[in-house]
Amino acid sequence: MERVKLFDKTFRIFIPEKKIEEAIDKVADRINDDFKNCEDIPVVLCVLNGAIMFTAELMKRLTFNCELLSVKLSSYSGTCSTGNVRQVLGLTSDISGRRVIIVEDIVDTGNTIVELKKMLAERGVAASYVCTMLFKPEAYRQDVGIDYVAMEIPNDFIVGYGLDYNEIGRNLKDIYVLDQD
């Protein structure tokens, strides 16, 4: 589909599934290089709901033993970040002393990453790393480094491949951008 309509907005194709998969292959290769021969069992922390599809694809490509956990945070309303990050579903396992790879669908302002890293530090993790499918450097306002970036994109509103507009559009296999025409 070249265009999709979600509620009152129309989106046009921006990143086809094939390009997304190629980017996931590359980022998984980098993570595998960094974690090869690790003796511990790192935690892959999926940030729900948006990162579900990316995390699933990434996990299939990881070649080291790892544990999967999820956390649900929220900072969006409609097409805009509220600036306030709230925890909707917290961690269900003890992660103290563990290395944690945070898996995000998208990093824009970075508010969620800062809050999540703070939360993990309070839980006593040994180290935390950020892996994101999409990164918006123009919107990023934090000092926290992003360790693994699959793709950089402009500061546009997008949906698909786990990303939503008011909770719909996550199931689209491609990524779409808001059509301003």
N, C-alpha and C. Protein backbone atom coordinates (compact mmCIF):
# COMPACT_ATOMS: atom_id res chain seq x y z
N MET A 1 0.84 -1.19 0.00
CA MET A 1 0.00 0.00 0.00
C MET A 1 0.88 1.24 0.00
N GLU A 2 0.66 2.11 -0.95
CA GLU A 2 1.42 3.35 -1.02
C GLU A 2 0.97 4.36 0.03
N ARG A 3 -0.35 4.35 0.32
CA ARG A 3 -0.91 5.28 1.31
C ARG A 3 -1.87 4.52 2.22
N VAL A 4 -1.93 4.96 3.48
CA VAL A 4 -2.90 4.41 4.42
C VAL A 4 -3.57 5.57 5.15
N LYS A 5 -4.84 5.36 5.50
CA LYS A 5 -5.57 6.36 6.27
C LYS A 5 -5.81 5.79 7.66
N LEU A 6 -5.38 6.53 8.67
CA LEU A 6 -5.58 6.15 10.06
C LEU A 6 -6.34 7.31 10.72
N PHE A 7 -7.55 7.02 11.14
CA PHE A 7 -8.43 8.06 11.69
C PHE A 7 -8.52 9.22 10.70
N ASP A 8 -8.07 10.39 11.12
CA ASP A 8 -8.20 11.62 10.31
C ASP A 8 -6.95 11.96 9.51
N LYS A 9 -5.95 11.07 9.50
CA LYS A 9 -4.69 11.39 8.84
C LYS A 9 -4.33 10.36 7.78
N THR A 10 -3.65 10.83 6.74
CA THR A 10 -3.16 9.97 5.67
C THR A 10 -1.64 9.91 5.76
N PHE A 11 -1.12 8.70 5.57
CA PHE A 11 0.32 8.46 5.62
C PHE A 11 0.76 7.83 4.31
N ARG A 12 1.98 8.17 3.87
CA ARG A 12 2.54 7.57 2.65
C ARG A 12 3.76 6.73 3.03
N ILE A 13 4.05 5.75 2.19
CA ILE A 13 5.17 4.84 2.49
C ILE A 13 6.47 5.64 2.60
N PHE A 14 7.27 5.28 3.58
CA PHE A 14 8.51 5.99 3.87
C PHE A 14 9.70 5.03 3.86
N ILE A 15 9.59 3.92 4.60
CA ILE A 15 10.66 2.91 4.63
C ILE A 15 10.03 1.55 4.39
N PRO A 16 10.34 0.91 3.26
CA PRO A 16 9.78 -0.41 2.99
C PRO A 16 10.36 -1.48 3.91
N GLU A 17 9.60 -2.54 4.12
CA GLU A 17 9.98 -3.63 5.02
C GLU A 17 11.39 -4.16 4.71
N LYS A 18 11.73 -4.30 3.44
CA LYS A 18 13.05 -4.83 3.07
C LYS A 18 14.18 -3.98 3.64
N LYS A 19 14.04 -2.66 3.59
CA LYS A 19 15.08 -1.77 4.13
C LYS A 19 15.13 -1.86 5.65
N ILE A 20 13.97 -2.04 6.28
CA ILE A 20 13.92 -2.20 7.73
C ILE A 20 14.69 -3.46 8.13
N GLU A 21 14.42 -4.55 7.42
CA GLU A 21 15.09 -5.82 7.73
C GLU A 21 16.60 -5.74 7.53
N GLU A 22 17.03 -5.04 6.48
CA GLU A 22 18.47 -4.86 6.25
C GLU A 22 19.11 -4.08 7.39
N ALA A 23 18.42 -3.06 7.87
CA ALA A 23 18.93 -2.25 8.98
C ALA A 23 18.99 -3.08 10.27
N ILE A 24 17.99 -3.94 10.49
CA ILE A 24 17.99 -4.80 11.67
C ILE A 24 19.15 -5.79 11.59
N ASP A 25 19.41 -6.33 10.41
CA ASP A 25 20.56 -7.24 10.23
C ASP A 25 21.85 -6.55 10.67
N LYS A 26 22.05 -5.31 10.22
CA LYS A 26 23.29 -4.59 10.51
C LYS A 26 23.42 -4.29 12.00
N VAL A 27 22.34 -3.83 12.63
CA VAL A 27 22.43 -3.49 14.06
C VAL A 27 22.61 -4.77 14.88
N ALA A 28 21.99 -5.86 14.49
CA ALA A 28 22.16 -7.13 15.20
C ALA A 28 23.61 -7.61 15.09
N ASP A 29 24.23 -7.42 13.92
CA ASP A 29 25.63 -7.80 13.75
C ASP A 29 26.53 -7.02 14.72
N ARG A 30 26.26 -5.73 14.89
CA ARG A 30 27.05 -4.90 15.82
C ARG A 30 26.87 -5.38 17.26
N ILE A 31 25.63 -5.67 17.65
CA ILE A 31 25.37 -6.15 19.01
C ILE A 31 26.04 -7.50 19.21
N ASN A 32 25.90 -8.39 18.25
CA ASN A 32 26.54 -9.71 18.35
C ASN A 32 28.05 -9.59 18.51
N ASP A 33 28.68 -8.67 17.77
CA ASP A 33 30.12 -8.45 17.91
C ASP A 33 30.47 -8.00 19.32
N ASP A 34 29.67 -7.09 19.87
CA ASP A 34 29.95 -6.55 21.21
C ASP A 34 29.68 -7.56 22.33
N PHE A 35 28.76 -8.50 22.11
CA PHE A 35 28.38 -9.44 23.17
C PHE A 35 28.86 -10.87 22.91
N LYS A 36 29.62 -11.09 21.84
CA LYS A 36 30.11 -12.44 21.57
C LYS A 36 31.00 -12.90 22.72
N ASN A 37 30.94 -14.16 23.00
CA ASN A 37 31.73 -14.77 24.07
C ASN A 37 31.40 -14.23 25.46
N CYS A 38 30.25 -13.56 25.62
CA CYS A 38 29.91 -13.06 26.96
C CYS A 38 29.56 -14.25 27.86
N GLU A 39 29.99 -14.18 29.09
CA GLU A 39 29.74 -15.28 30.02
C GLU A 39 28.48 -15.04 30.83
N ASP A 40 28.06 -13.79 30.92
CA ASP A 40 26.81 -13.48 31.61
C ASP A 40 25.65 -13.64 30.63
N ILE A 41 24.46 -13.50 31.12
CA ILE A 41 23.28 -13.56 30.25
C ILE A 41 22.62 -12.18 30.29
N PRO A 42 22.88 -11.36 29.26
CA PRO A 42 22.30 -10.03 29.23
C PRO A 42 20.77 -10.09 29.11
N VAL A 43 20.14 -9.00 29.54
CA VAL A 43 18.69 -8.86 29.44
C VAL A 43 18.38 -7.96 28.25
N VAL A 44 17.50 -8.42 27.37
CA VAL A 44 16.97 -7.58 26.30
C VAL A 44 15.65 -7.05 26.83
N LEU A 45 15.57 -5.73 26.97
CA LEU A 45 14.39 -5.09 27.56
C LEU A 45 13.57 -4.40 26.47
N CYS A 46 12.46 -5.00 26.11
CA CYS A 46 11.56 -4.47 25.09
C CYS A 46 10.69 -3.38 25.71
N VAL A 47 10.72 -2.20 25.11
CA VAL A 47 9.86 -1.10 25.57
C VAL A 47 8.54 -1.20 24.79
N LEU A 48 7.50 -1.64 25.51
CA LEU A 48 6.18 -1.85 24.91
C LEU A 48 5.49 -0.51 24.66
N ASN A 49 4.55 -0.47 23.74
CA ASN A 49 4.14 -1.48 22.81
C ASN A 49 4.94 -1.38 21.51
N GLY A 50 5.48 -0.21 21.27
CA GLY A 50 6.07 0.08 19.97
C GLY A 50 7.21 -0.80 19.53
N ALA A 51 8.02 -1.26 20.47
CA ALA A 51 9.22 -2.01 20.10
C ALA A 51 8.98 -3.51 19.92
N ILE A 52 7.74 -3.97 20.01
CA ILE A 52 7.47 -5.42 19.92
C ILE A 52 8.00 -6.01 18.61
N MET A 53 7.64 -5.41 17.49
CA MET A 53 8.04 -5.99 16.19
C MET A 53 9.57 -5.93 16.02
N PHE A 54 10.16 -4.80 16.36
CA PHE A 54 11.61 -4.65 16.24
C PHE A 54 12.32 -5.64 17.16
N THR A 55 11.86 -5.75 18.40
CA THR A 55 12.48 -6.68 19.35
C THR A 55 12.39 -8.12 18.86
N ALA A 56 11.24 -8.51 18.33
CA ALA A 56 11.07 -9.88 17.84
C ALA A 56 12.06 -10.17 16.71
N GLU A 57 12.18 -9.26 15.78
CA GLU A 57 13.12 -9.45 14.66
C GLU A 57 14.57 -9.43 15.14
N LEU A 58 14.88 -8.52 16.06
CA LEU A 58 16.23 -8.43 16.59
C LEU A 58 16.62 -9.71 17.33
N MET A 59 15.70 -10.20 18.17
CA MET A 59 15.98 -11.42 18.96
C MET A 59 16.30 -12.61 18.07
N LYS A 60 15.64 -12.72 16.93
CA LYS A 60 15.90 -13.84 16.01
C LYS A 60 17.32 -13.81 15.47
N ARG A 61 17.94 -12.63 15.50
CA ARG A 61 19.27 -12.46 14.92
C ARG A 61 20.38 -12.48 15.96
N LEU A 62 20.05 -12.41 17.25
CA LEU A 62 21.09 -12.40 18.29
C LEU A 62 21.63 -13.81 18.47
N THR A 63 22.95 -13.92 18.57
CA THR A 63 23.60 -15.23 18.61
C THR A 63 24.15 -15.60 19.99
N PHE A 64 23.91 -14.76 20.99
CA PHE A 64 24.35 -15.04 22.35
C PHE A 64 23.13 -15.31 23.23
N ASN A 65 23.32 -15.99 24.34
CA ASN A 65 22.22 -16.24 25.25
C ASN A 65 21.77 -14.93 25.88
N CYS A 66 20.45 -14.73 25.92
CA CYS A 66 19.91 -13.52 26.52
C CYS A 66 18.52 -13.81 27.07
N GLU A 67 18.10 -12.97 28.00
CA GLU A 67 16.77 -13.08 28.59
C GLU A 67 15.94 -11.91 28.07
N LEU A 68 14.66 -12.14 27.84
CA LEU A 68 13.77 -11.09 27.35
C LEU A 68 12.84 -10.64 28.46
N LEU A 69 12.80 -9.34 28.69
CA LEU A 69 11.84 -8.72 29.61
C LEU A 69 11.19 -7.55 28.88
N SER A 70 10.09 -7.08 29.43
CA SER A 70 9.38 -5.94 28.85
C SER A 70 9.05 -4.93 29.92
N VAL A 71 8.92 -3.69 29.49
CA VAL A 71 8.46 -2.60 30.33
C VAL A 71 7.59 -1.73 29.44
N LYS A 72 6.58 -1.11 30.02
CA LYS A 72 5.72 -0.24 29.23
C LYS A 72 5.75 1.16 29.82
N LEU A 73 6.18 2.10 28.98
CA LEU A 73 6.24 3.51 29.36
C LEU A 73 5.39 4.27 28.36
N SER A 74 4.95 5.45 28.75
CA SER A 74 4.13 6.24 27.83
C SER A 74 4.51 7.70 27.94
N SER A 75 4.64 8.36 26.78
CA SER A 75 4.89 9.80 26.77
C SER A 75 4.18 10.49 25.61
N TYR A 76 3.46 9.73 24.79
CA TYR A 76 2.82 10.30 23.61
C TYR A 76 1.32 10.43 23.77
N SER A 77 0.77 11.45 23.14
CA SER A 77 -0.67 11.63 23.01
C SER A 77 -0.91 12.11 21.59
N GLY A 78 -1.56 11.30 20.78
CA GLY A 78 -1.75 11.66 19.37
C GLY A 78 -0.43 11.64 18.64
N THR A 79 -0.07 12.79 18.02
CA THR A 79 1.16 12.86 17.25
C THR A 79 2.29 13.57 18.00
N CYS A 80 2.07 13.93 19.26
CA CYS A 80 3.06 14.72 20.00
C CYS A 80 3.47 14.05 21.30
N SER A 81 4.73 14.26 21.65
CA SER A 81 5.22 13.82 22.95
C SER A 81 4.72 14.79 24.00
N THR A 82 4.26 14.27 25.12
CA THR A 82 3.77 15.13 26.20
C THR A 82 4.92 15.69 27.02
N GLY A 83 6.10 15.06 26.90
CA GLY A 83 7.25 15.48 27.69
C GLY A 83 7.28 14.79 29.05
N ASN A 84 6.17 14.16 29.44
CA ASN A 84 6.10 13.44 30.71
C ASN A 84 6.12 11.94 30.43
N VAL A 85 7.07 11.25 31.04
CA VAL A 85 7.18 9.80 30.87
C VAL A 85 6.55 9.14 32.09
N ARG A 86 5.61 8.25 31.84
CA ARG A 86 5.01 7.53 32.96
C ARG A 86 5.15 6.04 32.73
N GLN A 87 5.35 5.31 33.83
CA GLN A 87 5.50 3.87 33.77
C GLN A 87 4.11 3.24 33.83
N VAL A 88 3.77 2.47 32.82
CA VAL A 88 2.47 1.82 32.75
C VAL A 88 2.57 0.38 33.24
N LEU A 89 3.66 -0.29 32.87
CA LEU A 89 3.91 -1.67 33.30
C LEU A 89 5.39 -1.76 33.67
N GLY A 90 5.66 -2.11 34.92
CA GLY A 90 7.04 -2.13 35.39
C GLY A 90 7.72 -3.46 35.17
N LEU A 91 8.99 -3.51 35.54
CA LEU A 91 9.78 -4.73 35.42
C LEU A 91 9.26 -5.79 36.37
N THR A 92 9.30 -7.03 35.92
CA THR A 92 8.77 -8.13 36.72
C THR A 92 9.86 -9.06 37.24
N SER A 93 11.12 -8.75 36.96
CA SER A 93 12.24 -9.60 37.41
C SER A 93 13.32 -8.74 38.04
N ASP A 94 14.13 -9.39 38.87
CA ASP A 94 15.27 -8.72 39.48
C ASP A 94 16.38 -8.64 38.43
N ILE A 95 16.82 -7.43 38.13
CA ILE A 95 17.86 -7.24 37.12
C ILE A 95 19.14 -6.65 37.71
N SER A 96 19.22 -6.59 39.03
CA SER A 96 20.41 -6.01 39.67
C SER A 96 21.65 -6.82 39.26
N GLY A 97 22.71 -6.07 38.96
CA GLY A 97 23.96 -6.70 38.57
C GLY A 97 24.00 -7.20 37.14
N ARG A 98 22.92 -7.02 36.39
CA ARG A 98 22.84 -7.54 35.01
C ARG A 98 23.15 -6.43 34.00
N ARG A 99 23.56 -6.84 32.80
CA ARG A 99 23.68 -5.91 31.68
C ARG A 99 22.36 -5.92 30.94
N VAL A 100 21.87 -4.74 30.60
CA VAL A 100 20.55 -4.60 29.98
C VAL A 100 20.67 -3.86 28.66
N ILE A 101 20.10 -4.46 27.61
CA ILE A 101 20.02 -3.81 26.30
C ILE A 101 18.58 -3.32 26.15
N ILE A 102 18.39 -2.01 26.25
CA ILE A 102 17.07 -1.41 26.10
C ILE A 102 16.75 -1.38 24.61
N VAL A 103 15.60 -1.94 24.21
CA VAL A 103 15.22 -1.94 22.80
C VAL A 103 14.00 -1.04 22.62
N GLU A 104 14.21 0.03 21.87
CA GLU A 104 13.17 1.02 21.59
C GLU A 104 12.81 1.00 20.12
N ASP A 105 11.57 1.37 19.82
CA ASP A 105 11.17 1.52 18.43
C ASP A 105 11.75 2.81 17.85
N ILE A 106 11.67 3.89 18.64
CA ILE A 106 12.12 5.19 18.15
C ILE A 106 12.62 6.03 19.31
N VAL A 107 13.70 6.77 19.06
CA VAL A 107 14.19 7.74 20.03
C VAL A 107 14.12 9.10 19.36
N ASP A 108 13.31 9.99 19.96
CA ASP A 108 13.24 11.36 19.44
C ASP A 108 13.76 12.33 20.49
N THR A 109 12.93 12.83 21.40
CA THR A 109 13.41 13.79 22.40
C THR A 109 14.41 13.16 23.36
N GLY A 110 14.26 11.85 23.60
CA GLY A 110 15.15 11.14 24.52
C GLY A 110 14.65 11.11 25.95
N ASN A 111 13.51 11.72 26.22
CA ASN A 111 12.97 11.75 27.59
C ASN A 111 12.75 10.34 28.14
N THR A 112 12.20 9.46 27.32
CA THR A 112 11.93 8.09 27.77
C THR A 112 13.23 7.37 28.11
N ILE A 113 14.26 7.54 27.29
CA ILE A 113 15.55 6.88 27.52
C ILE A 113 16.15 7.36 28.84
N VAL A 114 16.13 8.66 29.08
CA VAL A 114 16.69 9.20 30.33
C VAL A 114 15.96 8.61 31.53
N GLU A 115 14.64 8.58 31.50
CA GLU A 115 13.85 8.04 32.61
C GLU A 115 14.11 6.55 32.80
N LEU A 116 14.19 5.83 31.70
CA LEU A 116 14.41 4.39 31.76
C LEU A 116 15.80 4.06 32.31
N LYS A 117 16.81 4.78 31.84
CA LYS A 117 18.17 4.55 32.35
C LYS A 117 18.23 4.87 33.84
N LYS A 118 17.54 5.91 34.28
CA LYS A 118 17.49 6.27 35.70
C LYS A 118 16.82 5.15 36.51
N MET A 119 15.72 4.64 35.98
CA MET A 119 15.00 3.55 36.63
C MET A 119 15.89 2.30 36.74
N LEU A 120 16.62 1.99 35.69
CA LEU A 120 17.50 0.82 35.69
C LEU A 120 18.65 1.01 36.67
N ALA A 121 19.21 2.21 36.73
CA ALA A 121 20.29 2.48 37.67
C ALA A 121 19.79 2.31 39.11
N GLU A 122 18.58 2.77 39.38
CA GLU A 122 17.99 2.60 40.71
C GLU A 122 17.79 1.13 41.05
N ARG A 123 17.61 0.30 40.03
CA ARG A 123 17.45 -1.15 40.24
C ARG A 123 18.79 -1.87 40.29
N GLY A 124 19.90 -1.13 40.16
CA GLY A 124 21.22 -1.71 40.33
C GLY A 124 21.78 -2.49 39.16
N VAL A 125 21.40 -2.13 37.94
CA VAL A 125 21.96 -2.85 36.79
C VAL A 125 23.46 -2.56 36.67
N ALA A 126 24.20 -3.52 36.14
CA ALA A 126 25.64 -3.36 35.95
C ALA A 126 25.93 -2.34 34.85
N ALA A 127 25.16 -2.41 33.77
CA ALA A 127 25.32 -1.49 32.64
C ALA A 127 24.04 -1.54 31.81
N SER A 128 23.74 -0.42 31.15
CA SER A 128 22.60 -0.42 30.24
C SER A 128 23.01 0.21 28.92
N TYR A 129 22.47 -0.35 27.85
CA TYR A 129 22.78 0.08 26.49
C TYR A 129 21.45 0.37 25.79
N VAL A 130 21.47 1.32 24.87
CA VAL A 130 20.25 1.67 24.15
C VAL A 130 20.37 1.23 22.71
N CYS A 131 19.38 0.46 22.26
CA CYS A 131 19.27 0.04 20.86
C CYS A 131 17.93 0.53 20.35
N THR A 132 17.95 1.29 19.27
CA THR A 132 16.70 1.79 18.70
C THR A 132 16.62 1.50 17.21
N MET A 133 15.42 1.17 16.78
CA MET A 133 15.20 0.95 15.35
C MET A 133 15.36 2.28 14.61
N LEU A 134 14.77 3.35 15.17
CA LEU A 134 14.79 4.65 14.52
C LEU A 134 15.28 5.72 15.48
N PHE A 135 16.09 6.63 14.96
CA PHE A 135 16.62 7.72 15.77
C PHE A 135 16.41 9.03 15.02
N LYS A 136 15.88 10.04 15.73
CA LYS A 136 15.66 11.37 15.16
C LYS A 136 16.68 12.34 15.78
N PRO A 137 17.87 12.46 15.15
CA PRO A 137 18.91 13.32 15.74
C PRO A 137 18.47 14.78 15.89
N GLU A 138 17.62 15.28 14.98
CA GLU A 138 17.15 16.67 15.06
C GLU A 138 16.32 16.93 16.31
N ALA A 139 15.64 15.91 16.81
CA ALA A 139 14.75 16.08 17.96
C ALA A 139 15.43 15.73 19.28
N TYR A 140 16.57 15.05 19.23
CA TYR A 140 17.22 14.53 20.45
C TYR A 140 17.81 15.66 21.28
N ARG A 141 17.47 15.68 22.57
CA ARG A 141 17.87 16.76 23.46
C ARG A 141 18.61 16.29 24.71
N GLN A 142 19.19 15.11 24.68
CA GLN A 142 19.78 14.54 25.89
C GLN A 142 21.28 14.31 25.73
N ASP A 143 21.94 14.09 26.88
CA ASP A 143 23.37 13.79 26.88
C ASP A 143 23.64 12.30 26.86
N VAL A 144 22.61 11.49 27.04
CA VAL A 144 22.75 10.04 27.07
C VAL A 144 23.03 9.54 25.66
N GLY A 145 24.09 8.74 25.51
CA GLY A 145 24.43 8.21 24.19
C GLY A 145 23.49 7.09 23.77
N ILE A 146 23.29 6.98 22.48
CA ILE A 146 22.49 5.88 21.91
C ILE A 146 23.51 4.91 21.32
N ASP A 147 23.55 3.70 21.88
CA ASP A 147 24.61 2.75 21.53
C ASP A 147 24.42 2.09 20.16
N TYR A 148 23.18 1.76 19.83
CA TYR A 148 22.91 1.03 18.58
C TYR A 148 21.72 1.66 17.88
N VAL A 149 21.96 2.16 16.67
CA VAL A 149 20.92 2.81 15.88
C VAL A 149 20.79 2.05 14.56
N ALA A 150 19.60 1.52 14.30
CA ALA A 150 19.37 0.84 13.03
C ALA A 150 19.26 1.85 11.89
N MET A 151 18.47 2.93 12.10
CA MET A 151 18.28 3.94 11.05
C MET A 151 18.08 5.32 11.68
N GLU A 152 18.66 6.34 11.05
CA GLU A 152 18.38 7.73 11.42
C GLU A 152 17.34 8.27 10.45
N ILE A 153 16.39 9.04 10.99
CA ILE A 153 15.33 9.62 10.15
C ILE A 153 15.13 11.08 10.53
N PRO A 154 14.48 11.85 9.65
CA PRO A 154 14.15 13.24 10.00
C PRO A 154 13.08 13.28 11.10
N ASN A 155 12.84 14.46 11.62
CA ASN A 155 11.88 14.63 12.71
C ASN A 155 10.45 14.72 12.17
N ASP A 156 10.00 13.63 11.55
CA ASP A 156 8.65 13.54 11.00
C ASP A 156 7.84 12.55 11.82
N PHE A 157 6.52 12.65 11.76
CA PHE A 157 5.67 11.69 12.46
C PHE A 157 5.47 10.47 11.58
N ILE A 158 5.76 9.29 12.14
CA ILE A 158 5.69 8.06 11.36
C ILE A 158 4.86 7.01 12.09
N VAL A 159 4.40 6.03 11.32
CA VAL A 159 3.64 4.90 11.86
C VAL A 159 4.08 3.62 11.14
N GLY A 160 3.70 2.49 11.72
CA GLY A 160 3.99 1.20 11.10
C GLY A 160 5.14 0.50 11.79
N TYR A 161 5.22 -0.78 11.59
CA TYR A 161 6.27 -1.62 12.16
C TYR A 161 6.38 -1.40 13.67
N GLY A 162 5.23 -1.36 14.32
CA GLY A 162 5.17 -1.20 15.77
C GLY A 162 4.82 0.20 16.22
N LEU A 163 5.06 1.19 15.38
CA LEU A 163 4.76 2.58 15.74
C LEU A 163 3.29 2.88 15.41
N ASP A 164 2.68 3.73 16.26
CA ASP A 164 1.25 3.94 16.13
C ASP A 164 0.84 5.41 16.03
N TYR A 165 -0.38 5.58 15.63
CA TYR A 165 -1.08 6.87 15.74
C TYR A 165 -2.33 6.57 16.55
N ASN A 166 -2.37 7.05 17.78
CA ASN A 166 -3.48 6.76 18.70
C ASN A 166 -3.80 5.26 18.75
N GLU A 167 -2.75 4.46 18.87
CA GLU A 167 -2.81 3.01 19.05
C GLU A 167 -3.16 2.19 17.81
N ILE A 168 -3.27 2.80 16.64
CA ILE A 168 -3.47 1.99 15.42
C ILE A 168 -2.32 2.22 14.45
N GLY A 169 -2.15 1.27 13.53
CA GLY A 169 -1.09 1.36 12.53
C GLY A 169 0.15 0.54 12.88
N ARG A 170 0.19 -0.01 14.10
CA ARG A 170 1.37 -0.79 14.52
C ARG A 170 1.59 -2.01 13.64
N ASN A 171 0.51 -2.57 13.10
CA ASN A 171 0.58 -3.82 12.35
C ASN A 171 1.10 -3.66 10.92
N LEU A 172 1.29 -2.45 10.46
CA LEU A 172 1.79 -2.23 9.10
C LEU A 172 3.22 -2.74 8.99
N LYS A 173 3.52 -3.47 7.91
CA LYS A 173 4.85 -4.07 7.77
C LYS A 173 5.90 -3.08 7.27
N ASP A 174 5.46 -1.98 6.70
CA ASP A 174 6.35 -0.91 6.26
C ASP A 174 6.19 0.26 7.23
N ILE A 175 7.09 1.25 7.12
CA ILE A 175 6.96 2.46 7.92
C ILE A 175 6.44 3.57 7.00
N TYR A 176 5.45 4.29 7.51
CA TYR A 176 4.79 5.35 6.76
C TYR A 176 5.01 6.69 7.46
N VAL A 177 5.06 7.75 6.67
CA VAL A 177 5.23 9.10 7.19
C VAL A 177 3.94 9.88 6.93
N LEU A 178 3.65 10.82 7.81
CA LEU A 178 2.47 11.66 7.66
C LEU A 178 2.53 12.37 6.32
N ASP A 179 1.48 12.25 5.54
CA ASP A 179 1.42 12.88 4.21
C ASP A 179 0.88 14.28 4.36
N GLN A 180 1.73 15.25 4.07
CA GLN A 180 1.34 16.66 4.24
C GLN A 180 0.61 17.22 3.04
N ASP A 181 0.48 16.44 1.97
CA ASP A 181 -0.18 16.94 0.74
C ASP A 181 -1.68 17.00 0.90
